[in-house]
């Protein structure tokens, strides 16, 4: 296990000192760590609030990445942690976390955030609820909307 510490600096100037093995879960950061001698890396597209969540996720998934043969109870505990972690957030935070996971190339976190958005979308009863939930503005005229609804019946 690596004990080298790396500092990640968010777009709003917050610094987080984390274990290298945590940072290496990001494909983007793993390339930067390998190519640079610095131990402080600016993460210009991610705020401190979101970077803290990214780090929390990565810390809980270090053992998952390290390999080994995780028992089913460990896997179940990790799935439970993931569910609690993602459902405690509002959709704006989930969206920001999704964007950070994409930017930093953290597949597990990207999958988790996308699944949460898909679950929220699937729970909506109709297009009006989808618009309300996601803050989408209806830019159809009444006639256009009626035509689209008729086509999709």
N, C-alpha and C. Protein backbone atom coordinates (compact mmCIF):
# COMPACT_ATOMS: atom_id res chain seq x y z
N UNK A 1 0.82 -1.19 0.00
CA UNK A 1 0.00 0.00 0.00
C UNK A 1 0.87 1.25 0.00
N UNK A 2 0.52 2.16 -0.84
CA UNK A 2 1.26 3.40 -0.97
C UNK A 2 0.93 4.34 0.19
N UNK A 3 1.95 4.99 0.68
CA UNK A 3 1.71 5.98 1.75
C UNK A 3 2.18 7.36 1.31
N UNK A 4 2.44 7.51 0.02
CA UNK A 4 2.82 8.81 -0.51
C UNK A 4 1.59 9.71 -0.51
N UNK A 5 1.76 10.91 0.00
CA UNK A 5 0.62 11.83 0.09
C UNK A 5 0.68 12.83 -1.06
N UNK A 6 -0.50 13.14 -1.59
CA UNK A 6 -0.64 14.07 -2.71
C UNK A 6 -1.68 15.11 -2.33
N UNK A 7 -1.42 16.35 -2.73
CA UNK A 7 -2.36 17.44 -2.46
C UNK A 7 -3.13 17.76 -3.73
N UNK A 8 -4.46 17.76 -3.60
CA UNK A 8 -5.33 18.15 -4.70
C UNK A 8 -5.94 19.51 -4.34
N UNK A 9 -5.84 20.44 -5.27
CA UNK A 9 -6.33 21.80 -5.02
C UNK A 9 -7.54 22.05 -5.93
N UNK A 10 -8.68 22.34 -5.31
CA UNK A 10 -9.92 22.54 -6.05
C UNK A 10 -9.93 23.89 -6.76
N UNK A 11 -10.92 24.08 -7.61
CA UNK A 11 -11.03 25.32 -8.38
C UNK A 11 -11.25 26.54 -7.48
N UNK A 12 -11.81 26.32 -6.29
CA UNK A 12 -12.02 27.43 -5.36
C UNK A 12 -10.93 27.52 -4.29
N UNK A 13 -9.80 26.85 -4.53
CA UNK A 13 -8.63 27.01 -3.68
C UNK A 13 -8.54 26.11 -2.47
N UNK A 14 -9.49 25.20 -2.26
CA UNK A 14 -9.41 24.29 -1.12
C UNK A 14 -8.41 23.17 -1.43
N UNK A 15 -7.59 22.83 -0.45
CA UNK A 15 -6.59 21.79 -0.63
C UNK A 15 -6.95 20.55 0.18
N UNK A 16 -6.76 19.40 -0.43
CA UNK A 16 -7.03 18.12 0.21
C UNK A 16 -5.79 17.27 0.08
N UNK A 17 -5.27 16.80 1.20
CA UNK A 17 -4.10 15.93 1.20
C UNK A 17 -4.60 14.50 1.32
N UNK A 18 -4.29 13.69 0.29
CA UNK A 18 -4.81 12.33 0.24
C UNK A 18 -3.71 11.35 -0.15
N UNK A 19 -3.94 10.10 0.19
CA UNK A 19 -3.04 9.01 -0.16
C UNK A 19 -2.97 8.85 -1.68
N UNK A 20 -1.82 8.55 -2.18
CA UNK A 20 -1.65 8.38 -3.63
C UNK A 20 -2.59 7.31 -4.18
N UNK A 21 -2.79 6.24 -3.43
CA UNK A 21 -3.67 5.16 -3.92
C UNK A 21 -5.10 5.63 -4.12
N UNK A 22 -5.52 6.64 -3.37
CA UNK A 22 -6.85 7.22 -3.56
C UNK A 22 -6.88 8.00 -4.88
N UNK A 23 -5.86 8.78 -5.12
CA UNK A 23 -5.76 9.60 -6.33
C UNK A 23 -5.68 8.72 -7.58
N UNK A 24 -5.03 7.59 -7.47
CA UNK A 24 -4.81 6.72 -8.63
C UNK A 24 -6.09 6.07 -9.15
N UNK A 25 -7.19 6.23 -8.46
CA UNK A 25 -8.47 5.72 -8.98
C UNK A 25 -8.97 6.54 -10.15
N UNK A 26 -8.45 7.74 -10.29
CA UNK A 26 -8.78 8.59 -11.43
C UNK A 26 -7.76 8.32 -12.53
N UNK A 27 -8.25 7.96 -13.71
CA UNK A 27 -7.36 7.71 -14.84
C UNK A 27 -6.58 8.98 -15.18
N UNK A 28 -7.27 10.10 -15.19
CA UNK A 28 -6.62 11.38 -15.51
C UNK A 28 -5.52 11.69 -14.52
N UNK A 29 -5.83 11.61 -13.24
CA UNK A 29 -4.83 11.94 -12.21
C UNK A 29 -3.71 10.93 -12.16
N UNK A 30 -3.99 9.67 -12.46
CA UNK A 30 -2.91 8.67 -12.43
C UNK A 30 -1.86 8.99 -13.49
N UNK A 31 -2.30 9.49 -14.65
CA UNK A 31 -1.34 9.88 -15.68
C UNK A 31 -0.54 11.10 -15.24
N UNK A 32 -1.19 12.06 -14.61
CA UNK A 32 -0.50 13.26 -14.15
C UNK A 32 0.52 12.90 -13.07
N UNK A 33 0.13 12.05 -12.13
CA UNK A 33 1.03 11.65 -11.04
C UNK A 33 2.26 10.95 -11.61
N UNK A 34 2.07 10.11 -12.61
CA UNK A 34 3.19 9.38 -13.21
C UNK A 34 4.11 10.31 -13.99
N UNK A 35 3.55 11.35 -14.60
CA UNK A 35 4.34 12.22 -15.48
C UNK A 35 4.99 13.41 -14.78
N UNK A 36 4.50 13.77 -13.60
CA UNK A 36 5.00 14.99 -12.93
C UNK A 36 5.62 14.65 -11.58
N UNK A 37 6.60 15.45 -11.22
CA UNK A 37 7.26 15.26 -9.93
C UNK A 37 6.55 16.00 -8.81
N UNK A 38 5.69 16.94 -9.18
CA UNK A 38 4.96 17.71 -8.15
C UNK A 38 4.11 16.80 -7.29
N UNK A 39 3.80 17.28 -6.11
CA UNK A 39 2.92 16.55 -5.21
C UNK A 39 1.65 17.35 -4.93
N UNK A 40 1.47 18.47 -5.67
CA UNK A 40 0.25 19.26 -5.56
C UNK A 40 -0.30 19.45 -6.97
N UNK A 41 -1.57 19.10 -7.12
CA UNK A 41 -2.18 19.16 -8.43
C UNK A 41 -3.46 19.99 -8.40
N UNK A 42 -3.55 21.00 -9.27
CA UNK A 42 -4.78 21.79 -9.33
C UNK A 42 -5.86 21.02 -10.11
N UNK A 43 -7.04 20.98 -9.56
CA UNK A 43 -8.19 20.36 -10.23
C UNK A 43 -9.12 21.52 -10.59
N UNK A 44 -8.86 22.13 -11.72
CA UNK A 44 -9.47 23.42 -12.06
C UNK A 44 -10.96 23.37 -12.35
N UNK A 45 -11.49 22.22 -12.70
CA UNK A 45 -12.91 22.13 -13.06
C UNK A 45 -13.80 21.59 -11.95
N UNK A 46 -13.26 21.43 -10.75
CA UNK A 46 -14.02 20.81 -9.66
C UNK A 46 -13.92 21.68 -8.41
N UNK A 47 -15.08 22.01 -7.82
CA UNK A 47 -15.09 22.81 -6.60
C UNK A 47 -14.69 21.97 -5.39
N UNK A 48 -14.38 22.64 -4.31
CA UNK A 48 -13.99 21.95 -3.08
C UNK A 48 -15.09 21.04 -2.54
N UNK A 49 -16.32 21.51 -2.60
CA UNK A 49 -17.46 20.70 -2.12
C UNK A 49 -17.54 19.38 -2.87
N UNK A 50 -17.38 19.44 -4.18
CA UNK A 50 -17.49 18.23 -5.01
C UNK A 50 -16.23 17.38 -4.91
N UNK A 51 -15.07 18.02 -4.86
CA UNK A 51 -13.81 17.27 -4.73
C UNK A 51 -13.79 16.48 -3.42
N UNK A 52 -14.35 17.04 -2.38
CA UNK A 52 -14.44 16.32 -1.10
C UNK A 52 -15.26 15.05 -1.26
N UNK A 53 -16.36 15.12 -2.01
CA UNK A 53 -17.20 13.94 -2.25
C UNK A 53 -16.48 12.92 -3.13
N UNK A 54 -15.75 13.40 -4.13
CA UNK A 54 -14.98 12.51 -5.00
C UNK A 54 -13.96 11.75 -4.16
N UNK A 55 -13.26 12.46 -3.29
CA UNK A 55 -12.25 11.83 -2.42
C UNK A 55 -12.90 10.82 -1.48
N UNK A 56 -14.04 11.18 -0.92
CA UNK A 56 -14.75 10.26 -0.02
C UNK A 56 -15.10 8.97 -0.77
N UNK A 57 -15.63 9.11 -1.97
CA UNK A 57 -15.96 7.94 -2.78
C UNK A 57 -14.70 7.10 -3.03
N UNK A 58 -13.64 7.74 -3.48
CA UNK A 58 -12.41 7.02 -3.82
C UNK A 58 -11.79 6.33 -2.61
N UNK A 59 -11.83 6.96 -1.46
CA UNK A 59 -11.30 6.33 -0.24
C UNK A 59 -12.06 5.04 0.07
N UNK A 60 -13.37 5.06 -0.13
CA UNK A 60 -14.17 3.88 0.17
C UNK A 60 -14.03 2.79 -0.89
N UNK A 61 -13.45 3.13 -2.02
CA UNK A 61 -13.30 2.17 -3.10
C UNK A 61 -11.85 1.76 -3.33
N UNK A 62 -10.94 2.17 -2.47
CA UNK A 62 -9.52 1.81 -2.63
C UNK A 62 -9.35 0.30 -2.58
N UNK A 63 -9.96 -0.37 -1.64
CA UNK A 63 -9.82 -1.82 -1.52
C UNK A 63 -10.37 -2.52 -2.74
N UNK A 64 -11.43 -1.97 -3.32
CA UNK A 64 -12.06 -2.52 -4.51
C UNK A 64 -11.08 -2.51 -5.69
N UNK A 65 -10.29 -1.45 -5.80
CA UNK A 65 -9.34 -1.29 -6.89
C UNK A 65 -8.06 -2.08 -6.63
N UNK A 66 -7.68 -2.19 -5.35
CA UNK A 66 -6.44 -2.88 -5.00
C UNK A 66 -6.44 -4.34 -5.42
N UNK A 67 -7.58 -4.87 -5.75
CA UNK A 67 -7.64 -6.26 -6.18
C UNK A 67 -7.95 -7.14 -4.99
N UNK A 68 -7.30 -8.24 -4.95
CA UNK A 68 -7.63 -9.18 -3.91
C UNK A 68 -8.92 -9.89 -4.30
N UNK A 69 -9.48 -10.62 -3.39
CA UNK A 69 -10.72 -11.32 -3.65
C UNK A 69 -11.74 -10.87 -2.62
N UNK A 70 -12.45 -9.78 -2.93
CA UNK A 70 -13.40 -9.26 -1.95
C UNK A 70 -14.52 -10.26 -1.71
N UNK A 71 -14.83 -10.43 -0.44
CA UNK A 71 -15.92 -11.36 -0.10
C UNK A 71 -17.24 -10.72 -0.48
N UNK A 72 -18.27 -11.53 -0.56
CA UNK A 72 -19.59 -11.00 -0.93
C UNK A 72 -20.11 -10.06 0.14
N UNK A 73 -19.72 -10.26 1.40
CA UNK A 73 -20.16 -9.34 2.46
C UNK A 73 -19.49 -7.98 2.29
N UNK A 74 -18.21 -7.97 1.85
CA UNK A 74 -17.54 -6.71 1.56
C UNK A 74 -18.20 -6.01 0.38
N UNK A 75 -18.53 -6.79 -0.64
CA UNK A 75 -19.19 -6.25 -1.82
C UNK A 75 -20.57 -5.69 -1.46
N UNK A 76 -21.31 -6.42 -0.62
CA UNK A 76 -22.62 -5.95 -0.18
C UNK A 76 -22.50 -4.67 0.64
N UNK A 77 -21.50 -4.61 1.49
CA UNK A 77 -21.29 -3.42 2.32
C UNK A 77 -20.94 -2.22 1.45
N UNK A 78 -20.14 -2.44 0.41
CA UNK A 78 -19.76 -1.36 -0.50
C UNK A 78 -20.97 -0.88 -1.30
N UNK A 79 -21.80 -1.81 -1.75
CA UNK A 79 -23.03 -1.43 -2.47
C UNK A 79 -23.96 -0.63 -1.56
N UNK A 80 -24.05 -1.04 -0.32
CA UNK A 80 -24.89 -0.32 0.64
C UNK A 80 -24.34 1.09 0.88
N UNK A 81 -23.00 1.17 1.03
CA UNK A 81 -22.38 2.48 1.22
C UNK A 81 -22.63 3.37 0.01
N UNK A 82 -22.47 2.81 -1.20
CA UNK A 82 -22.72 3.58 -2.42
C UNK A 82 -24.15 4.12 -2.45
N UNK A 83 -25.11 3.25 -2.11
CA UNK A 83 -26.52 3.66 -2.14
C UNK A 83 -26.78 4.80 -1.15
N UNK A 84 -26.24 4.69 0.04
CA UNK A 84 -26.42 5.75 1.04
C UNK A 84 -25.70 7.04 0.61
N UNK A 85 -24.52 6.88 0.07
CA UNK A 85 -23.71 8.02 -0.38
C UNK A 85 -24.45 8.83 -1.44
N UNK A 86 -24.97 8.15 -2.45
CA UNK A 86 -25.56 8.85 -3.60
C UNK A 86 -26.97 9.35 -3.32
N UNK A 87 -27.73 8.65 -2.49
CA UNK A 87 -29.12 9.07 -2.26
C UNK A 87 -29.23 10.22 -1.27
N UNK A 88 -28.17 10.52 -0.54
CA UNK A 88 -28.21 11.64 0.40
C UNK A 88 -28.08 12.99 -0.29
N UNK A 89 -27.75 12.98 -1.59
CA UNK A 89 -27.46 14.22 -2.31
C UNK A 89 -28.66 14.71 -3.11
N UNK A 90 -28.74 16.03 -3.23
CA UNK A 90 -29.75 16.59 -4.13
C UNK A 90 -29.26 16.43 -5.57
N UNK A 91 -30.15 16.61 -6.53
CA UNK A 91 -29.80 16.38 -7.93
C UNK A 91 -28.72 17.32 -8.45
N UNK A 92 -28.69 18.55 -7.96
CA UNK A 92 -27.64 19.48 -8.40
C UNK A 92 -26.25 18.96 -8.01
N UNK A 93 -26.15 18.45 -6.80
CA UNK A 93 -24.88 17.89 -6.34
C UNK A 93 -24.52 16.64 -7.13
N UNK A 94 -25.53 15.78 -7.38
CA UNK A 94 -25.29 14.57 -8.17
C UNK A 94 -24.78 14.96 -9.56
N UNK A 95 -25.40 15.98 -10.16
CA UNK A 95 -24.97 16.42 -11.49
C UNK A 95 -23.52 16.92 -11.46
N UNK A 96 -23.18 17.73 -10.46
CA UNK A 96 -21.80 18.23 -10.35
C UNK A 96 -20.82 17.08 -10.11
N UNK A 97 -21.23 16.10 -9.32
CA UNK A 97 -20.39 14.93 -9.06
C UNK A 97 -20.23 14.08 -10.33
N UNK A 98 -21.30 13.97 -11.10
CA UNK A 98 -21.25 13.26 -12.37
C UNK A 98 -20.23 13.93 -13.31
N UNK A 99 -20.30 15.25 -13.39
CA UNK A 99 -19.37 15.99 -14.24
C UNK A 99 -17.92 15.82 -13.77
N UNK A 100 -17.71 15.82 -12.46
CA UNK A 100 -16.36 15.63 -11.92
C UNK A 100 -15.86 14.21 -12.21
N UNK A 101 -16.74 13.22 -12.05
CA UNK A 101 -16.35 11.83 -12.33
C UNK A 101 -15.98 11.66 -13.79
N UNK A 102 -16.71 12.33 -14.66
CA UNK A 102 -16.41 12.27 -16.09
C UNK A 102 -15.07 12.97 -16.37
N UNK A 103 -14.90 14.16 -15.83
CA UNK A 103 -13.68 14.95 -16.03
C UNK A 103 -12.43 14.20 -15.53
N UNK A 104 -12.57 13.58 -14.35
CA UNK A 104 -11.44 12.88 -13.73
C UNK A 104 -11.32 11.42 -14.18
N UNK A 105 -12.29 10.96 -14.95
CA UNK A 105 -12.33 9.58 -15.46
C UNK A 105 -12.27 8.56 -14.32
N UNK A 106 -13.33 8.59 -13.51
CA UNK A 106 -13.49 7.62 -12.42
C UNK A 106 -14.75 6.81 -12.76
N UNK A 107 -14.56 5.68 -13.41
CA UNK A 107 -15.66 4.92 -13.98
C UNK A 107 -16.72 4.53 -12.96
N UNK A 108 -16.33 4.00 -11.83
CA UNK A 108 -17.30 3.56 -10.84
C UNK A 108 -18.19 4.70 -10.35
N UNK A 109 -17.59 5.85 -10.12
CA UNK A 109 -18.35 7.02 -9.67
C UNK A 109 -19.24 7.54 -10.79
N UNK A 110 -18.74 7.53 -12.00
CA UNK A 110 -19.56 7.95 -13.14
C UNK A 110 -20.77 7.03 -13.29
N UNK A 111 -20.55 5.73 -13.18
CA UNK A 111 -21.65 4.78 -13.27
C UNK A 111 -22.68 5.01 -12.16
N UNK A 112 -22.19 5.24 -10.95
CA UNK A 112 -23.09 5.46 -9.81
C UNK A 112 -23.93 6.72 -9.98
N UNK A 113 -23.32 7.80 -10.42
CA UNK A 113 -24.07 9.06 -10.59
C UNK A 113 -25.05 8.96 -11.75
N UNK A 114 -24.64 8.33 -12.84
CA UNK A 114 -25.55 8.16 -13.98
C UNK A 114 -26.75 7.29 -13.59
N UNK A 115 -26.50 6.26 -12.80
CA UNK A 115 -27.59 5.40 -12.37
C UNK A 115 -28.58 6.17 -11.50
N UNK A 116 -28.07 7.05 -10.65
CA UNK A 116 -28.96 7.86 -9.81
C UNK A 116 -29.84 8.75 -10.67
N UNK A 117 -29.26 9.39 -11.68
CA UNK A 117 -30.05 10.24 -12.58
C UNK A 117 -31.08 9.39 -13.32
N UNK A 118 -30.68 8.21 -13.78
CA UNK A 118 -31.60 7.32 -14.48
C UNK A 118 -32.74 6.88 -13.57
N UNK A 119 -32.43 6.59 -12.31
CA UNK A 119 -33.46 6.18 -11.35
C UNK A 119 -34.47 7.30 -11.11
N UNK A 120 -33.98 8.52 -10.97
CA UNK A 120 -34.86 9.67 -10.77
C UNK A 120 -35.74 9.87 -12.01
N UNK A 121 -35.14 9.75 -13.16
CA UNK A 121 -35.88 9.90 -14.42
C UNK A 121 -36.96 8.83 -14.55
N UNK A 122 -36.61 7.59 -14.24
CA UNK A 122 -37.55 6.47 -14.35
C UNK A 122 -38.71 6.61 -13.37
N UNK A 123 -38.48 7.27 -12.24
CA UNK A 123 -39.53 7.44 -11.24
C UNK A 123 -40.55 8.51 -11.64
N UNK A 124 -40.24 9.32 -12.63
CA UNK A 124 -41.15 10.37 -13.08
C UNK A 124 -42.30 9.74 -13.86
N UNK A 125 -43.51 10.24 -13.60
CA UNK A 125 -44.70 9.66 -14.21
C UNK A 125 -44.94 10.13 -15.64
N UNK A 126 -44.56 11.36 -15.95
CA UNK A 126 -44.81 11.89 -17.29
C UNK A 126 -43.81 13.00 -17.60
N UNK A 127 -43.95 13.56 -18.81
CA UNK A 127 -43.02 14.59 -19.26
C UNK A 127 -43.08 15.85 -18.40
N UNK A 128 -44.23 16.14 -17.84
CA UNK A 128 -44.35 17.33 -16.99
C UNK A 128 -43.54 17.16 -15.70
N UNK A 129 -43.61 15.97 -15.14
CA UNK A 129 -42.83 15.70 -13.91
C UNK A 129 -41.33 15.69 -14.21
N UNK A 130 -40.96 15.17 -15.37
CA UNK A 130 -39.54 15.18 -15.76
C UNK A 130 -39.05 16.62 -15.87
N UNK A 131 -39.84 17.46 -16.52
CA UNK A 131 -39.46 18.87 -16.66
C UNK A 131 -39.33 19.54 -15.29
N UNK A 132 -40.28 19.28 -14.41
CA UNK A 132 -40.24 19.90 -13.08
C UNK A 132 -39.04 19.40 -12.28
N UNK A 133 -38.79 18.11 -12.33
CA UNK A 133 -37.69 17.52 -11.56
C UNK A 133 -36.33 18.04 -12.01
N UNK A 134 -36.14 18.14 -13.32
CA UNK A 134 -34.84 18.52 -13.87
C UNK A 134 -34.74 20.00 -14.24
N UNK A 135 -35.81 20.76 -13.97
CA UNK A 135 -35.78 22.19 -14.26
C UNK A 135 -35.69 22.49 -15.74
N UNK A 136 -36.36 21.71 -16.55
CA UNK A 136 -36.33 21.89 -18.00
C UNK A 136 -37.47 22.80 -18.44
N UNK A 137 -37.15 23.71 -19.33
CA UNK A 137 -38.15 24.65 -19.85
C UNK A 137 -38.77 24.04 -21.10
N UNK A 138 -40.10 24.09 -21.19
CA UNK A 138 -40.80 23.59 -22.36
C UNK A 138 -40.72 24.63 -23.47
N UNK A 139 -40.00 24.31 -24.53
CA UNK A 139 -39.86 25.27 -25.62
C UNK A 139 -40.73 24.91 -26.83
N UNK A 140 -41.65 23.96 -26.64
CA UNK A 140 -42.60 23.61 -27.69
C UNK A 140 -43.81 24.54 -27.63
N UNK A 141 -44.36 24.82 -28.79
CA UNK A 141 -45.67 25.48 -28.80
C UNK A 141 -46.70 24.42 -28.43
N UNK A 142 -47.91 24.83 -28.12
CA UNK A 142 -48.97 23.88 -27.75
C UNK A 142 -49.21 22.88 -28.88
N UNK A 143 -49.16 23.36 -30.13
CA UNK A 143 -49.39 22.50 -31.28
C UNK A 143 -48.26 21.48 -31.43
N UNK A 144 -47.02 21.94 -31.28
CA UNK A 144 -45.87 21.04 -31.39
C UNK A 144 -45.90 19.97 -30.30
N UNK A 145 -46.24 20.39 -29.10
CA UNK A 145 -46.30 19.44 -27.99
C UNK A 145 -47.38 18.40 -28.23
N UNK A 146 -48.54 18.83 -28.70
CA UNK A 146 -49.63 17.89 -29.00
C UNK A 146 -49.21 16.90 -30.08
N UNK A 147 -48.49 17.37 -31.08
CA UNK A 147 -48.03 16.49 -32.16
C UNK A 147 -47.03 15.46 -31.65
N UNK A 148 -46.09 15.89 -30.83
CA UNK A 148 -45.10 14.96 -30.27
C UNK A 148 -45.78 13.93 -29.36
N UNK A 149 -46.71 14.36 -28.55
CA UNK A 149 -47.42 13.43 -27.68
C UNK A 149 -48.21 12.42 -28.49
N UNK A 150 -48.82 12.88 -29.57
CA UNK A 150 -49.60 11.98 -30.45
C UNK A 150 -48.69 10.95 -31.10
N UNK A 151 -47.50 11.39 -31.56
CA UNK A 151 -46.53 10.48 -32.20
C UNK A 151 -46.00 9.42 -31.25
N UNK A 152 -45.94 9.73 -29.96
CA UNK A 152 -45.33 8.84 -28.98
C UNK A 152 -46.32 8.10 -28.12
N UNK A 153 -47.54 7.98 -28.58
CA UNK A 153 -48.54 7.22 -27.80
C UNK A 153 -48.39 5.76 -28.02
